[in-house]
């Protein structure tokens, strides 16, 4: 799904304790507008399913207010030797993907490394696996693309996911999405 006139994208940086959420308006030929961004904090990292109580009402409210056309998410990673953490990240991502499917909203995701590569392209630096862009570089890339940047790195990650997956603002590199 490419935008022709206007598209409202819900950006997600998945987390089971802190989750970055943004709503970005994309308009062909214009700078993207960040309509909303927040860092949703559960507070208890040991009970990721509690996010359902916070997340579903928030997603429904954002959809009602902005009319979400698409969802863009960073893919949750597999973290070696941290099975509970990995399970929590995937649980939260599954909640969001299921919500999008039930609403008939397009859902795409990109790997963390794809987003770091996109950051390097925006900043015009060589991507090196031994020296990957840090959170501050992602915020800098979002600032260059949107002329503003939110307070937290989680929000910046969610905005970058929206831009990578649904806009043509970032120099080409093939990103595989389902």
C-alpha atoms as a PDB file:
ATOM      1  CA  UNK A   1       0.000   0.000   0.000  1.00  0.00           C
ATOM      2  CA  UNK A   2       1.591   3.226  -1.142  1.00  0.00           C
ATOM      3  CA  UNK A   3       0.067   6.567  -0.335  1.00  0.00           C
ATOM      4  CA  UNK A   4      -1.141   8.761  -3.137  1.00  0.00           C
ATOM      5  CA  UNK A   5      -2.755  11.743  -1.464  1.00  0.00           C
ATOM      6  CA  UNK A   6      -2.732  11.155   2.277  1.00  0.00           C
ATOM      7  CA  UNK A   7      -2.094   8.229   4.593  1.00  0.00           C
ATOM      8  CA  UNK A   8      -2.301   8.016   8.375  1.00  0.00           C
ATOM      9  CA  UNK A   9       0.198   5.498   9.757  1.00  0.00           C
ATOM     10  CA  UNK A  10       0.328   4.153  13.291  1.00  0.00           C
ATOM     11  CA  UNK A  11       4.003   3.575  14.139  1.00  0.00           C
ATOM     12  CA  UNK A  12       4.976   1.062  16.815  1.00  0.00           C
ATOM     13  CA  UNK A  13       8.216   0.368  18.657  1.00  0.00           C
ATOM     14  CA  UNK A  14       7.197  -2.821  20.498  1.00  0.00           C
ATOM     15  CA  UNK A  15       8.020  -3.277  24.123  1.00  0.00           C
ATOM     16  CA  UNK A  16       6.530  -5.052  27.068  1.00  0.00           C
ATOM     17  CA  UNK A  17       7.456  -2.328  29.527  1.00  0.00           C
ATOM     18  CA  UNK A  18       7.889   0.741  27.315  1.00  0.00           C
ATOM     19  CA  UNK A  19       6.156   0.928  23.958  1.00  0.00           C
ATOM     20  CA  UNK A  20       6.620   3.735  21.472  1.00  0.00           C
ATOM     21  CA  UNK A  21       3.474   4.772  19.637  1.00  0.00           C
ATOM     22  CA  UNK A  22       3.133   7.446  16.989  1.00  0.00           C
ATOM     23  CA  UNK A  23       0.622   8.605  14.433  1.00  0.00           C
ATOM     24  CA  UNK A  24       2.214  10.039  11.301  1.00  0.00           C
ATOM     25  CA  UNK A  25       0.421  11.719   8.407  1.00  0.00           C
ATOM     26  CA  UNK A  26       2.101  11.123   5.061  1.00  0.00           C
ATOM     27  CA  UNK A  27       1.210  13.316   2.089  1.00  0.00           C
ATOM     28  CA  UNK A  28       2.798  12.944  -1.298  1.00  0.00           C
ATOM     29  CA  UNK A  29       5.328  15.687  -1.888  1.00  0.00           C
ATOM     30  CA  UNK A  30       5.080  17.087   1.644  1.00  0.00           C
ATOM     31  CA  UNK A  31       6.994  16.694   4.884  1.00  0.00           C
ATOM     32  CA  UNK A  32       5.465  14.070   7.187  1.00  0.00           C
ATOM     33  CA  UNK A  33       3.484  15.349  10.157  1.00  0.00           C
ATOM     34  CA  UNK A  34       3.749  13.728  13.555  1.00  0.00           C
ATOM     35  CA  UNK A  35       0.187  13.990  14.802  1.00  0.00           C
ATOM     36  CA  UNK A  36       0.734  12.063  18.024  1.00  0.00           C
ATOM     37  CA  UNK A  37       3.499  10.262  19.868  1.00  0.00           C
ATOM     38  CA  UNK A  38       3.924   8.802  23.306  1.00  0.00           C
ATOM     39  CA  UNK A  39       5.886   6.288  25.284  1.00  0.00           C
ATOM     40  CA  UNK A  40       3.320   3.946  26.833  1.00  0.00           C
ATOM     41  CA  UNK A  41       4.708   2.597  30.106  1.00  0.00           C
ATOM     42  CA  UNK A  42       3.258  -0.476  31.743  1.00  0.00           C
ATOM     43  CA  UNK A  43       5.441  -0.175  34.808  1.00  0.00           C
ATOM     44  CA  UNK A  44       5.633  -3.922  35.499  1.00  0.00           C
ATOM     45  CA  UNK A  45       7.950  -5.823  33.194  1.00  0.00           C
ATOM     46  CA  UNK A  46       6.850  -9.164  34.632  1.00  0.00           C
ATOM     47  CA  UNK A  47       3.260  -8.986  33.390  1.00  0.00           C
ATOM     48  CA  UNK A  48       3.296  -8.094  29.668  1.00  0.00           C
ATOM     49  CA  UNK A  49      -0.301  -9.221  29.185  1.00  0.00           C
ATOM     50  CA  UNK A  50      -1.324  -6.221  31.291  1.00  0.00           C
ATOM     51  CA  UNK A  51      -0.575  -4.232  28.159  1.00  0.00           C
ATOM     52  CA  UNK A  52      -3.872  -5.503  26.746  1.00  0.00           C
ATOM     53  CA  UNK A  53      -5.721  -3.390  29.318  1.00  0.00           C
ATOM     54  CA  UNK A  54      -3.787  -0.276  28.274  1.00  0.00           C
ATOM     55  CA  UNK A  55      -3.045  -0.942  24.642  1.00  0.00           C
ATOM     56  CA  UNK A  56      -6.369  -1.960  23.094  1.00  0.00           C
ATOM     57  CA  UNK A  57      -8.288   1.090  24.380  1.00  0.00           C
ATOM     58  CA  UNK A  58      -5.428   3.340  23.214  1.00  0.00           C
ATOM     59  CA  UNK A  59      -5.353   1.771  19.744  1.00  0.00           C
ATOM     60  CA  UNK A  60      -9.140   2.100  19.434  1.00  0.00           C
ATOM     61  CA  UNK A  61      -9.065   5.732  20.563  1.00  0.00           C
ATOM     62  CA  UNK A  62      -6.267   6.602  18.109  1.00  0.00           C
ATOM     63  CA  UNK A  63      -8.110   4.902  15.292  1.00  0.00           C
ATOM     64  CA  UNK A  64     -11.305   6.785  16.133  1.00  0.00           C
ATOM     65  CA  UNK A  65      -9.512  10.137  16.329  1.00  0.00           C
ATOM     66  CA  UNK A  66      -7.140   9.822  13.346  1.00  0.00           C
ATOM     67  CA  UNK A  67      -8.583   7.093  11.098  1.00  0.00           C
ATOM     68  CA  UNK A  68      -5.562   4.801  10.910  1.00  0.00           C
ATOM     69  CA  UNK A  69      -4.840   3.535   7.367  1.00  0.00           C
ATOM     70  CA  UNK A  70      -1.812   1.377   8.170  1.00  0.00           C
ATOM     71  CA  UNK A  71       0.359   0.058  10.996  1.00  0.00           C
ATOM     72  CA  UNK A  72       4.170   0.039  10.845  1.00  0.00           C
ATOM     73  CA  UNK A  73       6.119  -1.796  13.514  1.00  0.00           C
ATOM     74  CA  UNK A  74       9.658  -2.678  14.325  1.00  0.00           C
ATOM     75  CA  UNK A  75       9.837  -6.475  14.425  1.00  0.00           C
ATOM     76  CA  UNK A  76      10.495  -7.764  17.916  1.00  0.00           C
ATOM     77  CA  UNK A  77      13.930  -9.363  18.219  1.00  0.00           C
ATOM     78  CA  UNK A  78      14.868 -12.703  19.665  1.00  0.00           C
ATOM     79  CA  UNK A  79      17.092 -12.012  22.663  1.00  0.00           C
ATOM     80  CA  UNK A  80      19.447 -14.848  23.478  1.00  0.00           C
ATOM     81  CA  UNK A  81      19.130 -16.221  27.015  1.00  0.00           C
ATOM     82  CA  UNK A  82      16.168 -13.902  27.737  1.00  0.00           C
ATOM     83  CA  UNK A  83      13.211 -16.052  26.812  1.00  0.00           C
ATOM     84  CA  UNK A  84      10.685 -14.163  28.985  1.00  0.00           C
ATOM     85  CA  UNK A  85      11.730 -10.835  27.502  1.00  0.00           C
ATOM     86  CA  UNK A  86      11.471 -12.199  23.974  1.00  0.00           C
ATOM     87  CA  UNK A  87       8.063 -13.744  24.726  1.00  0.00           C
ATOM     88  CA  UNK A  88       6.816 -10.441  26.145  1.00  0.00           C
ATOM     89  CA  UNK A  89       7.907  -8.500  23.051  1.00  0.00           C
ATOM     90  CA  UNK A  90       6.249 -10.983  20.724  1.00  0.00           C
ATOM     91  CA  UNK A  91       3.085 -11.026  22.835  1.00  0.00           C
ATOM     92  CA  UNK A  92       2.690  -7.269  22.570  1.00  0.00           C
ATOM     93  CA  UNK A  93       3.418  -7.395  18.824  1.00  0.00           C
ATOM     94  CA  UNK A  94       0.804 -10.123  18.403  1.00  0.00           C
ATOM     95  CA  UNK A  95      -1.785  -7.969  20.181  1.00  0.00           C
ATOM     96  CA  UNK A  96      -1.125  -5.102  17.768  1.00  0.00           C
ATOM     97  CA  UNK A  97      -1.048  -7.288  14.640  1.00  0.00           C
ATOM     98  CA  UNK A  98      -4.304  -8.978  15.671  1.00  0.00           C
ATOM     99  CA  UNK A  99      -5.948  -5.615  16.365  1.00  0.00           C
ATOM    100  CA  UNK A 100      -4.914  -4.383  12.885  1.00  0.00           C
ATOM    101  CA  UNK A 101      -6.178  -7.565  11.225  1.00  0.00           C
ATOM    102  CA  UNK A 102      -9.550  -7.364  12.996  1.00  0.00           C
ATOM    103  CA  UNK A 103      -9.912  -3.717  11.898  1.00  0.00           C
ATOM    104  CA  UNK A 104      -8.884  -4.490   8.293  1.00  0.00           C
ATOM    105  CA  UNK A 105      -5.814  -2.269   8.603  1.00  0.00           C
ATOM    106  CA  UNK A 106      -2.602  -3.013   6.703  1.00  0.00           C
ATOM    107  CA  UNK A 107       0.237  -4.188   9.002  1.00  0.00           C
ATOM    108  CA  UNK A 108       3.925  -4.191   8.032  1.00  0.00           C
ATOM    109  CA  UNK A 109       7.047  -4.691  10.063  1.00  0.00           C
ATOM    110  CA  UNK A 110      10.777  -4.207   9.579  1.00  0.00           C
ATOM    111  CA  UNK A 111      13.659  -5.764  11.434  1.00  0.00           C
ATOM    112  CA  UNK A 112      15.665  -3.642  13.860  1.00  0.00           C
ATOM    113  CA  UNK A 113      18.701  -3.905  11.574  1.00  0.00           C
ATOM    114  CA  UNK A 114      16.642  -2.613   8.602  1.00  0.00           C
ATOM    115  CA  UNK A 115      15.733   0.455  10.628  1.00  0.00           C
ATOM    116  CA  UNK A 116      19.362   0.994  11.612  1.00  0.00           C
ATOM    117  CA  UNK A 117      20.391   0.711   7.945  1.00  0.00           C
ATOM    118  CA  UNK A 118      17.709   3.249   7.031  1.00  0.00           C
ATOM    119  CA  UNK A 119      19.058   5.568   9.742  1.00  0.00           C
ATOM    120  CA  UNK A 120      22.548   5.346   8.235  1.00  0.00           C
ATOM    121  CA  UNK A 121      21.153   6.173   4.772  1.00  0.00           C
ATOM    122  CA  UNK A 122      19.246   9.199   6.084  1.00  0.00           C
ATOM    123  CA  UNK A 123      22.335  10.477   7.875  1.00  0.00           C
ATOM    124  CA  UNK A 124      24.557   9.736   4.869  1.00  0.00           C
ATOM    125  CA  UNK A 125      26.955   7.495   6.787  1.00  0.00           C
ATOM    126  CA  UNK A 126      28.278   4.061   5.936  1.00  0.00           C
ATOM    127  CA  UNK A 127      26.438   1.252   7.696  1.00  0.00           C
ATOM    128  CA  UNK A 128      28.757  -1.034   9.623  1.00  0.00           C
ATOM    129  CA  UNK A 129      27.565  -3.962  11.742  1.00  0.00           C
ATOM    130  CA  UNK A 130      30.350  -3.321  14.246  1.00  0.00           C
ATOM    131  CA  UNK A 131      29.318   0.317  14.601  1.00  0.00           C
ATOM    132  CA  UNK A 132      25.536   0.428  14.192  1.00  0.00           C
ATOM    133  CA  UNK A 133      23.592   3.657  14.661  1.00  0.00           C
ATOM    134  CA  UNK A 134      22.605   4.283  18.270  1.00  0.00           C
ATOM    135  CA  UNK A 135      19.298   5.607  19.613  1.00  0.00           C
ATOM    136  CA  UNK A 136      20.567   9.188  19.331  1.00  0.00           C
ATOM    137  CA  UNK A 137      21.232   8.673  15.608  1.00  0.00           C
ATOM    138  CA  UNK A 138      17.666   7.434  15.084  1.00  0.00           C
ATOM    139  CA  UNK A 139      16.349  10.577  16.778  1.00  0.00           C
ATOM    140  CA  UNK A 140      18.625  12.674  14.531  1.00  0.00           C
ATOM    141  CA  UNK A 141      17.311  10.898  11.418  1.00  0.00           C
ATOM    142  CA  UNK A 142      13.699  11.510  12.487  1.00  0.00           C
ATOM    143  CA  UNK A 143      14.566  15.181  13.076  1.00  0.00           C
ATOM    144  CA  UNK A 144      15.984  15.449   9.544  1.00  0.00           C
ATOM    145  CA  UNK A 145      12.937  13.786   7.991  1.00  0.00           C
ATOM    146  CA  UNK A 146      10.207  15.496  10.049  1.00  0.00           C
ATOM    147  CA  UNK A 147      11.877  18.697  11.254  1.00  0.00           C
ATOM    148  CA  UNK A 148      10.896  17.682  14.795  1.00  0.00           C
ATOM    149  CA  UNK A 149      11.540  14.785  17.117  1.00  0.00           C
ATOM    150  CA  UNK A 150       9.743  13.401  20.153  1.00  0.00           C
ATOM    151  CA  UNK A 151      11.192  13.121  23.629  1.00  0.00           C
ATOM    152  CA  UNK A 152      11.911   9.394  23.826  1.00  0.00           C
ATOM    153  CA  UNK A 153      13.856   6.992  21.650  1.00  0.00           C
ATOM    154  CA  UNK A 154      10.859   4.621  21.695  1.00  0.00           C
ATOM    155  CA  UNK A 155       8.737   7.282  19.998  1.00  0.00           C
ATOM    156  CA  UNK A 156      11.495   8.023  17.470  1.00  0.00           C
ATOM    157  CA  UNK A 157      11.743   4.310  16.635  1.00  0.00           C
ATOM    158  CA  UNK A 158       7.979   4.153  16.026  1.00  0.00           C
ATOM    159  CA  UNK A 159       8.102   7.193  13.716  1.00  0.00           C
ATOM    160  CA  UNK A 160      11.056   5.765  11.805  1.00  0.00           C
ATOM    161  CA  UNK A 161       9.175   2.478  11.294  1.00  0.00           C
ATOM    162  CA  UNK A 162       6.239   4.412   9.798  1.00  0.00           C
ATOM    163  CA  UNK A 163       8.527   6.333   7.445  1.00  0.00           C
ATOM    164  CA  UNK A 164      10.571   3.309   6.358  1.00  0.00           C
ATOM    165  CA  UNK A 165       7.592   1.070   5.702  1.00  0.00           C
ATOM    166  CA  UNK A 166       5.095   3.483   4.130  1.00  0.00           C
ATOM    167  CA  UNK A 167       6.934   6.481   2.664  1.00  0.00           C
ATOM    168  CA  UNK A 168       9.446   7.085  -0.067  1.00  0.00           C
ATOM    169  CA  UNK A 169      11.458   9.586   1.991  1.00  0.00           C
ATOM    170  CA  UNK A 170      14.397   7.318   2.760  1.00  0.00           C
ATOM    171  CA  UNK A 171      16.907   6.393   0.054  1.00  0.00           C
ATOM    172  CA  UNK A 172      16.324   2.977  -1.481  1.00  0.00           C
ATOM    173  CA  UNK A 173      17.177  -0.348   0.027  1.00  0.00           C
ATOM    174  CA  UNK A 174      14.957  -3.348  -0.367  1.00  0.00           C
ATOM    175  CA  UNK A 175      13.073  -4.097   2.853  1.00  0.00           C
ATOM    176  CA  UNK A 176      11.196  -7.371   2.975  1.00  0.00           C
ATOM    177  CA  UNK A 177       7.795  -7.278   4.607  1.00  0.00           C
ATOM    178  CA  UNK A 178       5.052  -9.871   4.674  1.00  0.00           C
END
